[in-house]
């Protein structure tokens, strides 16, 4: 608790007592939660992107056009959604 109080004083919050310590503690908790949720979000988006590309392969395979699904393409499609999937498909088609 004293460490957080010293950290609050070092951050320019001065000696605010319990309120400054509470603010610094909440900020540190938010930063830690954000750092842990980012990799999980990237994995989830990659899985969604791979599923979108797989569905495209399922439908377009009838016409003889398929997209090789890689980790990078799945992450692009997952991160950018339908626009990313369309970009990957167009890149495969014209590239």
N, C-alpha and C. Protein backbone atom coordinates (compact mmCIF):
# COMPACT_ATOMS: atom_id res chain seq x y z
N UNK A 1 0.82 -1.18 0.00
CA UNK A 1 0.00 0.00 0.00
C UNK A 1 0.87 1.25 0.00
N UNK A 2 1.97 1.20 0.69
CA UNK A 2 2.87 2.34 0.75
C UNK A 2 3.52 2.56 -0.62
N UNK A 3 3.76 1.45 -1.34
CA UNK A 3 4.35 1.57 -2.67
C UNK A 3 3.42 2.33 -3.61
N UNK A 4 2.10 2.02 -3.56
CA UNK A 4 1.15 2.72 -4.41
C UNK A 4 1.06 4.19 -4.02
N UNK A 5 1.16 4.48 -2.75
CA UNK A 5 1.12 5.87 -2.29
C UNK A 5 2.34 6.63 -2.79
N UNK A 6 3.51 5.98 -2.74
CA UNK A 6 4.73 6.60 -3.26
C UNK A 6 4.64 6.79 -4.78
N UNK A 7 4.03 5.81 -5.45
CA UNK A 7 3.85 5.90 -6.89
C UNK A 7 2.90 7.04 -7.24
N UNK A 8 1.86 7.23 -6.45
CA UNK A 8 0.93 8.33 -6.67
C UNK A 8 1.62 9.66 -6.47
N UNK A 9 2.46 9.76 -5.45
CA UNK A 9 3.19 11.00 -5.20
C UNK A 9 4.18 11.27 -6.32
N UNK A 10 4.81 10.23 -6.84
CA UNK A 10 5.77 10.38 -7.93
C UNK A 10 5.10 10.75 -9.24
N UNK A 11 3.81 10.40 -9.39
CA UNK A 11 3.08 10.71 -10.62
C UNK A 11 2.52 12.12 -10.61
N UNK A 12 2.80 12.86 -9.56
CA UNK A 12 2.34 14.23 -9.50
C UNK A 12 1.00 14.41 -8.82
N UNK A 13 0.48 13.33 -8.24
CA UNK A 13 -0.79 13.43 -7.54
C UNK A 13 -0.62 13.97 -6.12
N UNK A 14 0.60 14.09 -5.69
CA UNK A 14 0.86 14.63 -4.35
C UNK A 14 0.45 13.64 -3.27
N UNK A 15 0.34 14.14 -2.09
CA UNK A 15 -0.06 13.30 -0.97
C UNK A 15 -1.57 13.36 -0.84
N UNK A 16 -2.27 12.55 -1.61
CA UNK A 16 -3.72 12.56 -1.59
C UNK A 16 -4.28 11.51 -0.63
N UNK A 17 -3.41 10.81 0.02
CA UNK A 17 -3.86 9.80 0.98
C UNK A 17 -4.45 8.59 0.28
N UNK A 18 -5.55 8.13 0.77
CA UNK A 18 -6.17 6.91 0.27
C UNK A 18 -6.72 7.08 -1.14
N UNK A 19 -7.22 8.25 -1.46
CA UNK A 19 -7.79 8.48 -2.79
C UNK A 19 -6.73 8.37 -3.89
N UNK A 20 -5.55 8.94 -3.66
CA UNK A 20 -4.48 8.83 -4.65
C UNK A 20 -4.02 7.40 -4.82
N UNK A 21 -3.92 6.68 -3.71
CA UNK A 21 -3.53 5.27 -3.77
C UNK A 21 -4.57 4.46 -4.52
N UNK A 22 -5.84 4.76 -4.27
CA UNK A 22 -6.92 4.05 -4.95
C UNK A 22 -6.89 4.32 -6.46
N UNK A 23 -6.67 5.57 -6.84
CA UNK A 23 -6.62 5.92 -8.26
C UNK A 23 -5.47 5.21 -8.98
N UNK A 24 -4.30 5.20 -8.35
CA UNK A 24 -3.15 4.52 -8.96
C UNK A 24 -3.40 3.02 -9.04
N UNK A 25 -4.00 2.44 -8.02
CA UNK A 25 -4.30 1.01 -8.03
C UNK A 25 -5.28 0.64 -9.13
N UNK A 26 -6.32 1.46 -9.31
CA UNK A 26 -7.30 1.20 -10.36
C UNK A 26 -6.66 1.34 -11.74
N UNK A 27 -5.82 2.35 -11.92
CA UNK A 27 -5.13 2.53 -13.21
C UNK A 27 -4.22 1.35 -13.52
N UNK A 28 -3.48 0.89 -12.52
CA UNK A 28 -2.61 -0.27 -12.73
C UNK A 28 -3.42 -1.52 -13.07
N UNK A 29 -4.57 -1.69 -12.41
CA UNK A 29 -5.43 -2.83 -12.70
C UNK A 29 -5.97 -2.76 -14.13
N UNK A 30 -6.37 -1.60 -14.57
CA UNK A 30 -6.86 -1.44 -15.94
C UNK A 30 -5.77 -1.75 -16.97
N UNK A 31 -4.57 -1.29 -16.70
CA UNK A 31 -3.45 -1.56 -17.62
C UNK A 31 -3.16 -3.06 -17.70
N UNK A 32 -3.15 -3.73 -16.57
CA UNK A 32 -2.88 -5.17 -16.56
C UNK A 32 -3.98 -5.94 -17.28
N UNK A 33 -5.24 -5.56 -17.06
CA UNK A 33 -6.35 -6.23 -17.74
C UNK A 33 -6.26 -6.02 -19.25
N UNK A 34 -5.94 -4.81 -19.69
CA UNK A 34 -5.79 -4.55 -21.12
C UNK A 34 -4.66 -5.38 -21.73
N UNK A 35 -3.56 -5.51 -21.00
CA UNK A 35 -2.42 -6.28 -21.52
C UNK A 35 -2.76 -7.76 -21.67
N UNK A 36 -3.60 -8.29 -20.79
CA UNK A 36 -3.96 -9.70 -20.87
C UNK A 36 -5.08 -9.98 -21.87
N UNK A 37 -5.96 -9.00 -22.11
CA UNK A 37 -7.06 -9.25 -23.03
C UNK A 37 -6.67 -9.08 -24.49
N UNK A 38 -5.62 -8.34 -24.77
CA UNK A 38 -5.21 -8.13 -26.16
C UNK A 38 -4.83 -9.44 -26.87
N UNK A 39 -3.99 -10.31 -26.29
CA UNK A 39 -3.68 -11.56 -26.99
C UNK A 39 -4.91 -12.45 -27.17
N UNK A 40 -5.80 -12.45 -26.18
CA UNK A 40 -7.01 -13.27 -26.29
C UNK A 40 -7.89 -12.74 -27.41
N UNK A 41 -8.00 -11.42 -27.52
CA UNK A 41 -8.80 -10.81 -28.57
C UNK A 41 -8.20 -11.12 -29.94
N UNK A 42 -6.88 -11.09 -30.07
CA UNK A 42 -6.25 -11.40 -31.36
C UNK A 42 -6.49 -12.86 -31.76
N UNK A 43 -6.41 -13.77 -30.80
CA UNK A 43 -6.67 -15.19 -31.10
C UNK A 43 -8.12 -15.37 -31.52
N UNK A 44 -9.05 -14.74 -30.80
CA UNK A 44 -10.46 -14.85 -31.13
C UNK A 44 -10.73 -14.28 -32.53
N UNK A 45 -10.19 -13.12 -32.82
CA UNK A 45 -10.38 -12.52 -34.14
C UNK A 45 -9.76 -13.38 -35.23
N UNK A 46 -8.62 -14.00 -34.95
CA UNK A 46 -8.01 -14.90 -35.92
C UNK A 46 -8.88 -16.11 -36.21
N UNK A 47 -9.52 -16.65 -35.17
CA UNK A 47 -10.42 -17.78 -35.36
C UNK A 47 -11.65 -17.38 -36.18
N UNK A 48 -12.18 -16.21 -35.90
CA UNK A 48 -13.33 -15.72 -36.66
C UNK A 48 -12.93 -15.49 -38.12
N UNK A 49 -11.75 -14.91 -38.34
CA UNK A 49 -11.26 -14.70 -39.71
C UNK A 49 -11.06 -16.00 -40.46
N UNK A 50 -10.51 -17.00 -39.78
CA UNK A 50 -10.32 -18.31 -40.41
C UNK A 50 -11.67 -18.93 -40.76
N UNK A 51 -12.65 -18.76 -39.88
CA UNK A 51 -13.98 -19.30 -40.15
C UNK A 51 -14.62 -18.61 -41.36
N UNK A 52 -14.42 -17.30 -41.47
CA UNK A 52 -14.96 -16.57 -42.62
C UNK A 52 -14.30 -17.06 -43.92
N UNK A 53 -12.99 -17.24 -43.89
CA UNK A 53 -12.30 -17.72 -45.08
C UNK A 53 -12.68 -19.17 -45.40
N UNK A 54 -12.91 -19.97 -44.37
CA UNK A 54 -13.32 -21.35 -44.58
C UNK A 54 -14.70 -21.39 -45.25
N UNK A 55 -15.63 -20.54 -44.77
CA UNK A 55 -16.95 -20.49 -45.40
C UNK A 55 -16.85 -20.04 -46.85
N UNK A 56 -15.96 -19.09 -47.11
CA UNK A 56 -15.76 -18.67 -48.50
C UNK A 56 -15.24 -19.84 -49.33
N UNK A 57 -14.27 -20.58 -48.80
CA UNK A 57 -13.73 -21.74 -49.51
C UNK A 57 -14.80 -22.78 -49.76
N UNK A 58 -15.71 -22.93 -48.82
CA UNK A 58 -16.79 -23.91 -48.95
C UNK A 58 -17.70 -23.55 -50.13
N UNK A 59 -18.05 -22.28 -50.24
CA UNK A 59 -18.94 -21.84 -51.31
C UNK A 59 -18.18 -21.69 -52.63
N UNK A 60 -17.03 -21.05 -52.61
CA UNK A 60 -16.29 -20.80 -53.84
C UNK A 60 -15.61 -22.06 -54.38
N UNK A 61 -15.45 -23.08 -53.55
CA UNK A 61 -14.85 -24.32 -54.01
C UNK A 61 -15.67 -24.99 -55.09
N UNK A 62 -16.96 -24.70 -55.10
CA UNK A 62 -17.84 -25.24 -56.15
C UNK A 62 -17.39 -24.74 -57.51
N UNK A 63 -16.91 -23.52 -57.57
CA UNK A 63 -16.47 -22.90 -58.82
C UNK A 63 -14.98 -23.07 -59.07
N UNK A 64 -14.29 -23.78 -58.18
CA UNK A 64 -12.88 -24.07 -58.38
C UNK A 64 -11.93 -22.99 -57.87
N UNK A 65 -12.41 -22.09 -57.04
CA UNK A 65 -11.56 -21.03 -56.49
C UNK A 65 -11.47 -21.21 -54.99
N UNK A 66 -10.26 -21.33 -54.48
CA UNK A 66 -10.07 -21.47 -53.04
C UNK A 66 -8.97 -20.52 -52.58
N UNK A 67 -8.97 -20.25 -51.29
CA UNK A 67 -7.97 -19.40 -50.66
C UNK A 67 -7.23 -20.25 -49.64
N UNK A 68 -5.91 -20.27 -49.74
CA UNK A 68 -5.12 -20.98 -48.74
C UNK A 68 -5.15 -20.16 -47.45
N UNK A 69 -5.62 -20.78 -46.37
CA UNK A 69 -5.76 -20.07 -45.10
C UNK A 69 -4.46 -20.19 -44.30
N UNK A 70 -3.86 -19.04 -44.01
CA UNK A 70 -2.67 -19.00 -43.16
C UNK A 70 -3.00 -18.18 -41.92
N UNK A 71 -2.10 -18.20 -40.96
CA UNK A 71 -2.31 -17.45 -39.72
C UNK A 71 -2.43 -15.96 -40.02
N UNK A 72 -1.57 -15.45 -40.88
CA UNK A 72 -1.59 -14.03 -41.22
C UNK A 72 -2.89 -13.64 -41.90
N UNK A 73 -3.35 -14.45 -42.85
CA UNK A 73 -4.60 -14.14 -43.54
C UNK A 73 -5.78 -14.23 -42.60
N UNK A 74 -5.77 -15.18 -41.68
CA UNK A 74 -6.85 -15.30 -40.71
C UNK A 74 -6.87 -14.10 -39.77
N UNK A 75 -5.70 -13.63 -39.36
CA UNK A 75 -5.64 -12.46 -38.49
C UNK A 75 -6.09 -11.20 -39.23
N UNK A 76 -5.72 -11.07 -40.49
CA UNK A 76 -6.17 -9.91 -41.27
C UNK A 76 -7.68 -9.94 -41.41
N UNK A 77 -8.23 -11.08 -41.76
CA UNK A 77 -9.68 -11.19 -41.92
C UNK A 77 -10.39 -11.02 -40.57
N UNK A 78 -9.81 -11.51 -39.50
CA UNK A 78 -10.43 -11.36 -38.19
C UNK A 78 -10.35 -9.96 -37.66
N UNK A 79 -9.21 -9.30 -37.86
CA UNK A 79 -9.02 -7.95 -37.34
C UNK A 79 -9.86 -6.93 -38.09
N UNK A 80 -9.93 -7.05 -39.40
CA UNK A 80 -10.66 -6.08 -40.21
C UNK A 80 -12.06 -6.54 -40.59
N UNK A 81 -12.46 -7.74 -40.16
CA UNK A 81 -13.82 -8.21 -40.40
C UNK A 81 -14.05 -8.58 -41.86
N UNK A 82 -15.24 -8.25 -42.33
CA UNK A 82 -15.64 -8.60 -43.69
C UNK A 82 -14.76 -7.89 -44.71
N UNK A 83 -14.37 -6.66 -44.42
CA UNK A 83 -13.50 -5.91 -45.34
C UNK A 83 -12.14 -6.60 -45.44
N UNK A 84 -11.61 -7.07 -44.32
CA UNK A 84 -10.33 -7.78 -44.35
C UNK A 84 -10.42 -9.09 -45.10
N UNK A 85 -11.52 -9.82 -44.90
CA UNK A 85 -11.71 -11.07 -45.64
C UNK A 85 -11.82 -10.80 -47.13
N UNK A 86 -12.53 -9.74 -47.49
CA UNK A 86 -12.64 -9.38 -48.91
C UNK A 86 -11.29 -8.99 -49.49
N UNK A 87 -10.48 -8.28 -48.69
CA UNK A 87 -9.15 -7.89 -49.16
C UNK A 87 -8.27 -9.11 -49.38
N UNK A 88 -8.33 -10.07 -48.47
CA UNK A 88 -7.53 -11.31 -48.61
C UNK A 88 -7.98 -12.07 -49.85
N UNK A 89 -9.28 -12.16 -50.05
CA UNK A 89 -9.82 -12.89 -51.21
C UNK A 89 -9.42 -12.20 -52.51
N UNK A 90 -9.55 -10.88 -52.55
CA UNK A 90 -9.17 -10.15 -53.76
C UNK A 90 -7.67 -10.25 -54.03
N UNK A 91 -6.87 -10.23 -52.96
CA UNK A 91 -5.42 -10.39 -53.12
C UNK A 91 -5.09 -11.76 -53.70
N UNK A 92 -5.78 -12.79 -53.25
CA UNK A 92 -5.55 -14.14 -53.79
C UNK A 92 -6.00 -14.22 -55.24
N UNK A 93 -7.10 -13.56 -55.54
CA UNK A 93 -7.65 -13.64 -56.88
C UNK A 93 -6.82 -12.88 -57.90
N UNK A 94 -6.39 -11.67 -57.54
CA UNK A 94 -5.63 -10.83 -58.46
C UNK A 94 -4.13 -10.86 -58.24
N UNK A 95 -3.68 -11.37 -57.10
CA UNK A 95 -2.25 -11.31 -56.79
C UNK A 95 -1.49 -12.45 -57.19
